Amino acid sequence: MDALEVMRAVEEWQRAGAYSVRIQGMNRQHHISLREEFDEHDGDYSKYVVLLDGGYPVATCRFYQTAPKVAMLGRVVVLPEYRGQQLGRRLVGEAERWMAECGIEQVTIDARTMAAGFYQKLGYEQAGETVFRSGVFDCVRMRKTLGPGR
């Protein structure tokens, strides 16, 4: 997996890689409409991390600032054939490094309930007991404080 390239997507052609993964991993696999998958947070002010395998986008996530020093992480997607290879961990780690470089200290994510354990292993804590519906998924809000040396 070391052959994977990490791309911090800031230009439109780079964001197209993130969108490609989301279309394949969410729109097609979970039958989520394009209108639901792509929202007001997609665009120039969001930042995207894309993992590339031989130039082919295979995993992505995005984050955007919601308040001073606070960001929302989301749209974490790994293509089905690449799951189980620690790419989600790598993706979130890269996003956290980038957020820290941007001065972000607190990260929030609305995690699918089935993925909450994954985020707990990465240091996220559930923020309250409320389970809510986001599209077709049951989710919980989770938070993490980015510490020194991230």
N, C-alpha and C. Protein backbone atom coordinates (compact mmCIF):
# COMPACT_ATOMS: atom_id res chain seq x y z
N MET A 1 0.80 -1.20 0.00
CA MET A 1 0.00 0.00 0.00
C MET A 1 0.84 1.26 0.00
N ASP A 2 2.16 1.14 0.20
CA ASP A 2 3.01 2.32 0.20
C ASP A 2 3.06 2.98 -1.17
N ALA A 3 2.64 2.26 -2.20
CA ALA A 3 2.65 2.81 -3.54
C ALA A 3 1.54 3.84 -3.73
N LEU A 4 0.63 3.94 -2.77
CA LEU A 4 -0.45 4.90 -2.90
C LEU A 4 0.07 6.32 -2.74
N GLU A 5 -0.45 7.19 -3.57
CA GLU A 5 -0.09 8.60 -3.52
C GLU A 5 -1.18 9.35 -2.77
N VAL A 6 -0.78 10.29 -1.91
CA VAL A 6 -1.72 11.15 -1.21
C VAL A 6 -1.79 12.47 -1.95
N MET A 7 -3.00 12.88 -2.29
CA MET A 7 -3.18 14.15 -2.99
C MET A 7 -4.08 15.05 -2.13
N ARG A 8 -3.58 16.24 -1.86
CA ARG A 8 -4.41 17.25 -1.22
C ARG A 8 -5.07 18.04 -2.36
N ALA A 9 -6.33 17.75 -2.56
CA ALA A 9 -7.04 18.30 -3.72
C ALA A 9 -7.55 19.70 -3.44
N VAL A 10 -7.01 20.66 -4.16
CA VAL A 10 -7.45 22.04 -4.02
C VAL A 10 -7.91 22.63 -5.35
N GLU A 11 -7.52 22.03 -6.44
CA GLU A 11 -7.95 22.50 -7.76
C GLU A 11 -9.10 21.62 -8.25
N GLU A 12 -9.89 22.14 -9.16
CA GLU A 12 -11.08 21.43 -9.62
C GLU A 12 -10.75 20.06 -10.20
N TRP A 13 -9.70 19.96 -11.00
CA TRP A 13 -9.36 18.66 -11.59
C TRP A 13 -9.00 17.65 -10.51
N GLN A 14 -8.42 18.12 -9.41
CA GLN A 14 -8.08 17.23 -8.30
C GLN A 14 -9.34 16.83 -7.52
N ARG A 15 -10.25 17.79 -7.34
CA ARG A 15 -11.51 17.49 -6.65
C ARG A 15 -12.32 16.48 -7.45
N ALA A 16 -12.14 16.45 -8.75
CA ALA A 16 -12.85 15.47 -9.58
C ALA A 16 -12.52 14.04 -9.14
N GLY A 17 -11.30 13.83 -8.65
CA GLY A 17 -10.93 12.51 -8.13
C GLY A 17 -11.73 12.16 -6.89
N ALA A 18 -11.91 13.13 -6.01
CA ALA A 18 -12.72 12.92 -4.81
C ALA A 18 -14.16 12.62 -5.21
N TYR A 19 -14.68 13.38 -6.15
CA TYR A 19 -16.06 13.19 -6.59
C TYR A 19 -16.24 11.81 -7.22
N SER A 20 -15.24 11.37 -7.97
CA SER A 20 -15.30 10.06 -8.62
C SER A 20 -15.46 8.95 -7.58
N VAL A 21 -14.66 9.00 -6.51
CA VAL A 21 -14.75 7.99 -5.45
C VAL A 21 -16.12 8.05 -4.79
N ARG A 22 -16.61 9.24 -4.54
CA ARG A 22 -17.91 9.38 -3.88
C ARG A 22 -19.04 8.87 -4.76
N ILE A 23 -18.96 9.09 -6.06
CA ILE A 23 -19.99 8.57 -6.96
C ILE A 23 -19.98 7.05 -6.94
N GLN A 24 -18.80 6.46 -7.03
CA GLN A 24 -18.71 5.00 -7.04
C GLN A 24 -19.04 4.39 -5.68
N GLY A 25 -18.54 5.00 -4.60
CA GLY A 25 -18.67 4.40 -3.28
C GLY A 25 -19.97 4.72 -2.56
N MET A 26 -20.64 5.79 -2.92
CA MET A 26 -21.87 6.16 -2.22
C MET A 26 -23.06 6.20 -3.17
N ASN A 27 -22.96 6.97 -4.23
CA ASN A 27 -24.06 7.10 -5.18
C ASN A 27 -24.45 5.75 -5.77
N ARG A 28 -23.48 5.02 -6.27
CA ARG A 28 -23.77 3.73 -6.91
C ARG A 28 -23.99 2.62 -5.89
N GLN A 29 -23.11 2.51 -4.91
CA GLN A 29 -23.18 1.39 -3.98
C GLN A 29 -24.38 1.49 -3.04
N HIS A 30 -24.67 2.69 -2.52
CA HIS A 30 -25.75 2.86 -1.55
C HIS A 30 -26.98 3.52 -2.14
N HIS A 31 -26.97 3.75 -3.45
CA HIS A 31 -28.11 4.35 -4.16
C HIS A 31 -28.49 5.71 -3.59
N ILE A 32 -27.46 6.48 -3.26
CA ILE A 32 -27.67 7.84 -2.77
C ILE A 32 -27.65 8.75 -4.00
N SER A 33 -28.66 9.59 -4.11
CA SER A 33 -28.74 10.46 -5.28
C SER A 33 -27.57 11.44 -5.30
N LEU A 34 -27.23 11.89 -6.48
CA LEU A 34 -26.17 12.89 -6.60
C LEU A 34 -26.52 14.14 -5.80
N ARG A 35 -27.80 14.52 -5.79
CA ARG A 35 -28.24 15.72 -5.06
C ARG A 35 -27.99 15.56 -3.56
N GLU A 36 -28.17 14.34 -3.04
CA GLU A 36 -27.93 14.11 -1.61
C GLU A 36 -26.44 13.99 -1.29
N GLU A 37 -25.68 13.38 -2.19
CA GLU A 37 -24.25 13.17 -1.94
C GLU A 37 -23.46 14.47 -2.03
N PHE A 38 -23.83 15.32 -2.96
CA PHE A 38 -23.12 16.58 -3.17
C PHE A 38 -23.98 17.72 -2.64
N ASP A 39 -23.41 18.46 -1.70
CA ASP A 39 -24.20 19.47 -1.01
C ASP A 39 -23.51 20.84 -1.02
N GLU A 40 -24.03 21.73 -0.21
CA GLU A 40 -23.50 23.10 -0.18
C GLU A 40 -22.08 23.17 0.35
N HIS A 41 -21.58 22.09 0.92
CA HIS A 41 -20.22 22.10 1.44
C HIS A 41 -19.19 21.64 0.42
N ASP A 42 -19.63 21.25 -0.75
CA ASP A 42 -18.70 20.90 -1.82
C ASP A 42 -18.35 22.17 -2.58
N GLY A 43 -17.07 22.36 -2.83
CA GLY A 43 -16.65 23.54 -3.56
C GLY A 43 -15.30 24.03 -3.10
N ASP A 44 -15.01 25.26 -3.48
CA ASP A 44 -13.68 25.83 -3.28
C ASP A 44 -13.25 25.94 -1.82
N TYR A 45 -14.18 26.16 -0.89
CA TYR A 45 -13.76 26.39 0.49
C TYR A 45 -13.59 25.10 1.28
N SER A 46 -13.99 23.96 0.72
CA SER A 46 -13.72 22.67 1.36
C SER A 46 -12.39 22.13 0.86
N LYS A 47 -11.76 21.33 1.69
CA LYS A 47 -10.49 20.71 1.30
C LYS A 47 -10.73 19.21 1.22
N TYR A 48 -10.10 18.58 0.25
CA TYR A 48 -10.29 17.16 -0.02
C TYR A 48 -8.95 16.45 -0.01
N VAL A 49 -8.93 15.26 0.60
CA VAL A 49 -7.78 14.38 0.53
C VAL A 49 -8.20 13.22 -0.36
N VAL A 50 -7.34 12.85 -1.30
CA VAL A 50 -7.61 11.74 -2.20
C VAL A 50 -6.41 10.81 -2.18
N LEU A 51 -6.67 9.51 -2.04
CA LEU A 51 -5.61 8.51 -2.18
C LEU A 51 -5.69 7.95 -3.59
N LEU A 52 -4.54 7.90 -4.25
CA LEU A 52 -4.46 7.44 -5.63
C LEU A 52 -3.64 6.16 -5.72
N ASP A 53 -4.12 5.20 -6.47
CA ASP A 53 -3.40 3.96 -6.75
C ASP A 53 -3.08 3.97 -8.23
N GLY A 54 -1.82 4.25 -8.56
CA GLY A 54 -1.45 4.35 -9.96
C GLY A 54 -2.18 5.46 -10.70
N GLY A 55 -2.46 6.55 -9.98
CA GLY A 55 -3.17 7.68 -10.58
C GLY A 55 -4.68 7.56 -10.51
N TYR A 56 -5.19 6.41 -10.05
CA TYR A 56 -6.63 6.15 -9.98
C TYR A 56 -7.13 6.47 -8.57
N PRO A 57 -8.12 7.35 -8.42
CA PRO A 57 -8.62 7.70 -7.09
C PRO A 57 -9.36 6.52 -6.45
N VAL A 58 -8.94 6.15 -5.21
CA VAL A 58 -9.53 4.98 -4.56
C VAL A 58 -10.12 5.29 -3.18
N ALA A 59 -9.82 6.45 -2.62
CA ALA A 59 -10.35 6.83 -1.30
C ALA A 59 -10.33 8.35 -1.19
N THR A 60 -11.26 8.89 -0.40
CA THR A 60 -11.33 10.34 -0.25
C THR A 60 -12.03 10.72 1.04
N CYS A 61 -11.82 11.96 1.44
CA CYS A 61 -12.60 12.60 2.49
C CYS A 61 -12.51 14.11 2.26
N ARG A 62 -13.36 14.83 2.97
CA ARG A 62 -13.31 16.29 2.87
C ARG A 62 -13.43 16.88 4.26
N PHE A 63 -12.99 18.12 4.37
CA PHE A 63 -13.23 18.87 5.61
C PHE A 63 -13.41 20.34 5.26
N TYR A 64 -14.13 21.02 6.16
CA TYR A 64 -14.33 22.46 6.00
C TYR A 64 -14.48 23.07 7.38
N GLN A 65 -14.09 24.30 7.48
CA GLN A 65 -14.13 25.01 8.76
C GLN A 65 -15.56 25.40 9.08
N THR A 66 -15.98 25.18 10.34
CA THR A 66 -17.33 25.53 10.78
C THR A 66 -17.34 26.67 11.80
N ALA A 67 -16.20 26.90 12.42
CA ALA A 67 -16.03 27.97 13.41
C ALA A 67 -14.52 28.19 13.53
N PRO A 68 -14.10 29.27 14.22
CA PRO A 68 -12.66 29.44 14.41
C PRO A 68 -12.05 28.19 15.07
N LYS A 69 -11.05 27.63 14.43
CA LYS A 69 -10.30 26.47 14.94
C LYS A 69 -11.11 25.17 14.99
N VAL A 70 -12.27 25.14 14.35
CA VAL A 70 -13.14 23.95 14.34
C VAL A 70 -13.45 23.57 12.90
N ALA A 71 -13.37 22.26 12.61
CA ALA A 71 -13.69 21.78 11.25
C ALA A 71 -14.59 20.57 11.32
N MET A 72 -15.34 20.37 10.26
CA MET A 72 -16.18 19.19 10.09
C MET A 72 -15.48 18.29 9.08
N LEU A 73 -15.23 17.06 9.48
CA LEU A 73 -14.67 16.03 8.61
C LEU A 73 -15.83 15.18 8.11
N GLY A 74 -15.79 14.79 6.86
CA GLY A 74 -16.88 13.97 6.36
C GLY A 74 -16.60 13.41 4.99
N ARG A 75 -17.63 12.75 4.47
CA ARG A 75 -17.55 12.12 3.15
C ARG A 75 -16.30 11.24 3.06
N VAL A 76 -16.06 10.47 4.11
CA VAL A 76 -14.94 9.53 4.15
C VAL A 76 -15.39 8.28 3.39
N VAL A 77 -14.76 8.03 2.25
CA VAL A 77 -15.17 6.91 1.39
C VAL A 77 -13.94 6.19 0.87
N VAL A 78 -13.95 4.87 1.00
CA VAL A 78 -12.93 4.01 0.42
C VAL A 78 -13.67 3.07 -0.53
N LEU A 79 -13.18 2.95 -1.76
CA LEU A 79 -13.84 2.06 -2.71
C LEU A 79 -13.89 0.64 -2.16
N PRO A 80 -14.97 -0.09 -2.42
CA PRO A 80 -15.14 -1.43 -1.84
C PRO A 80 -13.95 -2.36 -2.02
N GLU A 81 -13.35 -2.37 -3.18
CA GLU A 81 -12.24 -3.30 -3.44
C GLU A 81 -10.95 -2.90 -2.70
N TYR A 82 -10.93 -1.72 -2.06
CA TYR A 82 -9.75 -1.26 -1.32
C TYR A 82 -9.98 -1.28 0.20
N ARG A 83 -11.16 -1.70 0.63
CA ARG A 83 -11.46 -1.71 2.06
C ARG A 83 -10.67 -2.82 2.75
N GLY A 84 -10.46 -2.66 4.05
CA GLY A 84 -9.74 -3.64 4.83
C GLY A 84 -8.22 -3.52 4.72
N GLN A 85 -7.74 -2.41 4.17
CA GLN A 85 -6.31 -2.21 3.97
C GLN A 85 -5.79 -0.99 4.73
N GLN A 86 -6.54 -0.55 5.75
CA GLN A 86 -6.14 0.58 6.59
C GLN A 86 -6.16 1.93 5.86
N LEU A 87 -6.84 1.99 4.72
CA LEU A 87 -6.86 3.25 3.96
C LEU A 87 -7.69 4.32 4.66
N GLY A 88 -8.75 3.92 5.35
CA GLY A 88 -9.55 4.90 6.09
C GLY A 88 -8.71 5.57 7.17
N ARG A 89 -7.93 4.78 7.87
CA ARG A 89 -7.03 5.31 8.91
C ARG A 89 -6.03 6.28 8.28
N ARG A 90 -5.47 5.88 7.18
CA ARG A 90 -4.47 6.73 6.49
C ARG A 90 -5.11 8.04 6.01
N LEU A 91 -6.30 7.92 5.46
CA LEU A 91 -7.02 9.07 4.94
C LEU A 91 -7.33 10.08 6.05
N VAL A 92 -7.90 9.59 7.15
CA VAL A 92 -8.26 10.47 8.26
C VAL A 92 -7.00 11.09 8.87
N GLY A 93 -5.94 10.31 8.99
CA GLY A 93 -4.67 10.83 9.52
C GLY A 93 -4.13 11.97 8.67
N GLU A 94 -4.19 11.80 7.36
CA GLU A 94 -3.71 12.86 6.47
C GLU A 94 -4.59 14.10 6.58
N ALA A 95 -5.90 13.91 6.67
CA ALA A 95 -6.82 15.05 6.83
C ALA A 95 -6.53 15.78 8.14
N GLU A 96 -6.29 15.02 9.22
CA GLU A 96 -5.99 15.65 10.50
C GLU A 96 -4.68 16.44 10.46
N ARG A 97 -3.67 15.91 9.78
CA ARG A 97 -2.41 16.67 9.64
C ARG A 97 -2.66 17.98 8.90
N TRP A 98 -3.42 17.92 7.82
CA TRP A 98 -3.72 19.12 7.04
C TRP A 98 -4.53 20.11 7.88
N MET A 99 -5.52 19.60 8.61
CA MET A 99 -6.32 20.49 9.46
C MET A 99 -5.43 21.19 10.49
N ALA A 100 -4.54 20.44 11.12
CA ALA A 100 -3.63 21.03 12.11
C ALA A 100 -2.78 22.13 11.47
N GLU A 101 -2.31 21.89 10.26
CA GLU A 101 -1.54 22.91 9.54
C GLU A 101 -2.37 24.16 9.27
N CYS A 102 -3.68 23.97 9.15
CA CYS A 102 -4.59 25.09 8.90
C CYS A 102 -5.05 25.77 10.20
N GLY A 103 -4.53 25.31 11.35
CA GLY A 103 -4.90 25.91 12.62
C GLY A 103 -6.13 25.32 13.27
N ILE A 104 -6.63 24.22 12.76
CA ILE A 104 -7.80 23.56 13.33
C ILE A 104 -7.38 22.81 14.59
N GLU A 105 -8.15 22.97 15.66
CA GLU A 105 -7.86 22.29 16.92
C GLU A 105 -8.92 21.26 17.30
N GLN A 106 -10.14 21.44 16.79
CA GLN A 106 -11.25 20.55 17.14
C GLN A 106 -11.88 20.03 15.85
N VAL A 107 -12.05 18.70 15.77
CA VAL A 107 -12.65 18.08 14.59
C VAL A 107 -13.96 17.42 14.99
N THR A 108 -14.99 17.63 14.18
CA THR A 108 -16.29 17.01 14.38
C THR A 108 -16.57 16.12 13.18
N ILE A 109 -17.21 15.00 13.41
CA ILE A 109 -17.66 14.15 12.31
C ILE A 109 -19.01 13.57 12.68
N ASP A 110 -19.90 13.51 11.71
CA ASP A 110 -21.17 12.81 11.87
C ASP A 110 -20.94 11.42 11.30
N ALA A 111 -20.62 10.48 12.18
CA ALA A 111 -20.22 9.14 11.77
C ALA A 111 -21.43 8.22 11.69
N ARG A 112 -21.43 7.35 10.69
CA ARG A 112 -22.44 6.30 10.65
C ARG A 112 -22.28 5.47 11.92
N THR A 113 -23.37 5.04 12.51
CA THR A 113 -23.29 4.27 13.75
C THR A 113 -22.41 3.03 13.57
N MET A 114 -22.47 2.41 12.40
CA MET A 114 -21.66 1.22 12.17
C MET A 114 -20.16 1.54 12.08
N ALA A 115 -19.81 2.82 11.89
CA ALA A 115 -18.40 3.21 11.77
C ALA A 115 -17.88 3.90 13.03
N ALA A 116 -18.73 4.06 14.05
CA ALA A 116 -18.33 4.78 15.25
C ALA A 116 -17.12 4.11 15.92
N GLY A 117 -17.07 2.80 15.94
CA GLY A 117 -15.93 2.09 16.53
C GLY A 117 -14.62 2.40 15.83
N PHE A 118 -14.68 2.52 14.50
CA PHE A 118 -13.50 2.89 13.71
C PHE A 118 -12.97 4.24 14.18
N TYR A 119 -13.86 5.22 14.31
CA TYR A 119 -13.43 6.56 14.71
C TYR A 119 -12.96 6.59 16.16
N GLN A 120 -13.57 5.77 17.02
CA GLN A 120 -13.11 5.69 18.41
C GLN A 120 -11.66 5.21 18.46
N LYS A 121 -11.31 4.26 17.62
CA LYS A 121 -9.93 3.77 17.56
C LYS A 121 -8.96 4.87 17.12
N LEU A 122 -9.47 5.87 16.42
CA LEU A 122 -8.64 6.98 15.96
C LEU A 122 -8.67 8.16 16.94
N GLY A 123 -9.29 7.95 18.11
CA GLY A 123 -9.28 8.99 19.14
C GLY A 123 -10.51 9.88 19.19
N TYR A 124 -11.54 9.57 18.42
CA TYR A 124 -12.77 10.36 18.44
C TYR A 124 -13.67 9.86 19.58
N GLU A 125 -14.40 10.78 20.18
CA GLU A 125 -15.33 10.44 21.23
C GLU A 125 -16.72 10.87 20.83
N GLN A 126 -17.70 10.06 21.21
CA GLN A 126 -19.08 10.38 20.89
C GLN A 126 -19.50 11.61 21.68
N ALA A 127 -20.14 12.54 21.02
CA ALA A 127 -20.60 13.79 21.63
C ALA A 127 -22.10 13.68 21.88
N GLY A 128 -22.47 13.05 22.97
CA GLY A 128 -23.89 12.84 23.27
C GLY A 128 -24.35 11.48 22.79
N GLU A 129 -25.55 11.13 23.19
CA GLU A 129 -26.10 9.80 22.86
C GLU A 129 -27.05 9.83 21.68
N THR A 130 -27.32 11.00 21.14
CA THR A 130 -28.33 11.14 20.11
C THR A 130 -27.91 10.46 18.81
N VAL A 131 -28.76 9.57 18.34
CA VAL A 131 -28.59 8.96 17.01
C VAL A 131 -29.55 9.71 16.10
N PHE A 132 -29.06 10.15 14.96
CA PHE A 132 -29.91 10.89 14.02
C PHE A 132 -29.75 10.32 12.63
N ARG A 133 -30.70 10.63 11.80
CA ARG A 133 -30.71 10.15 10.43
C ARG A 133 -30.05 11.18 9.53
N SER A 134 -29.10 10.73 8.73
CA SER A 134 -28.47 11.58 7.72
C SER A 134 -28.56 10.82 6.40
N GLY A 135 -29.47 11.25 5.56
CA GLY A 135 -29.73 10.50 4.32
C GLY A 135 -30.26 9.12 4.66
N VAL A 136 -29.56 8.09 4.22
CA VAL A 136 -30.02 6.71 4.45
C VAL A 136 -29.34 6.08 5.67
N PHE A 137 -28.50 6.82 6.38
CA PHE A 137 -27.70 6.26 7.47
C PHE A 137 -28.10 6.80 8.83
N ASP A 138 -28.00 5.95 9.85
CA ASP A 138 -28.10 6.39 11.24
C ASP A 138 -26.70 6.85 11.64
N CYS A 139 -26.61 8.03 12.26
CA CYS A 139 -25.32 8.63 12.57
C CYS A 139 -25.26 9.11 14.01
N VAL A 140 -24.04 9.29 14.49
CA VAL A 140 -23.77 9.92 15.79
C VAL A 140 -22.71 10.98 15.58
N ARG A 141 -22.79 12.02 16.36
CA ARG A 141 -21.77 13.07 16.29
C ARG A 141 -20.59 12.66 17.15
N MET A 142 -19.38 12.85 16.61
CA MET A 142 -18.16 12.51 17.32
C MET A 142 -17.20 13.68 17.21
N ARG A 143 -16.30 13.79 18.19
CA ARG A 143 -15.34 14.89 18.23
C ARG A 143 -13.96 14.40 18.61
N LYS A 144 -12.97 15.17 18.18
CA LYS A 144 -11.60 14.88 18.55
C LYS A 144 -10.86 16.21 18.63
N THR A 145 -10.03 16.33 19.65
CA THR A 145 -9.14 17.49 19.77
C THR A 145 -7.80 17.09 19.16
N LEU A 146 -7.33 17.91 18.25
CA LEU A 146 -6.02 17.65 17.64
C LEU A 146 -4.95 18.15 18.59
N GLY A 147 -4.05 17.26 18.95
CA GLY A 147 -3.00 17.62 19.91
C GLY A 147 -1.72 18.04 19.22
N PRO A 148 -0.75 18.46 20.00
CA PRO A 148 0.55 18.85 19.45
C PRO A 148 1.22 17.66 18.77
N GLY A 149 1.95 17.96 17.72
CA GLY A 149 2.69 16.94 17.01
C GLY A 149 1.87 16.13 16.03
N ARG A 150 0.64 16.56 15.77
CA ARG A 150 -0.21 15.85 14.81
C ARG A 150 0.32 16.07 13.41
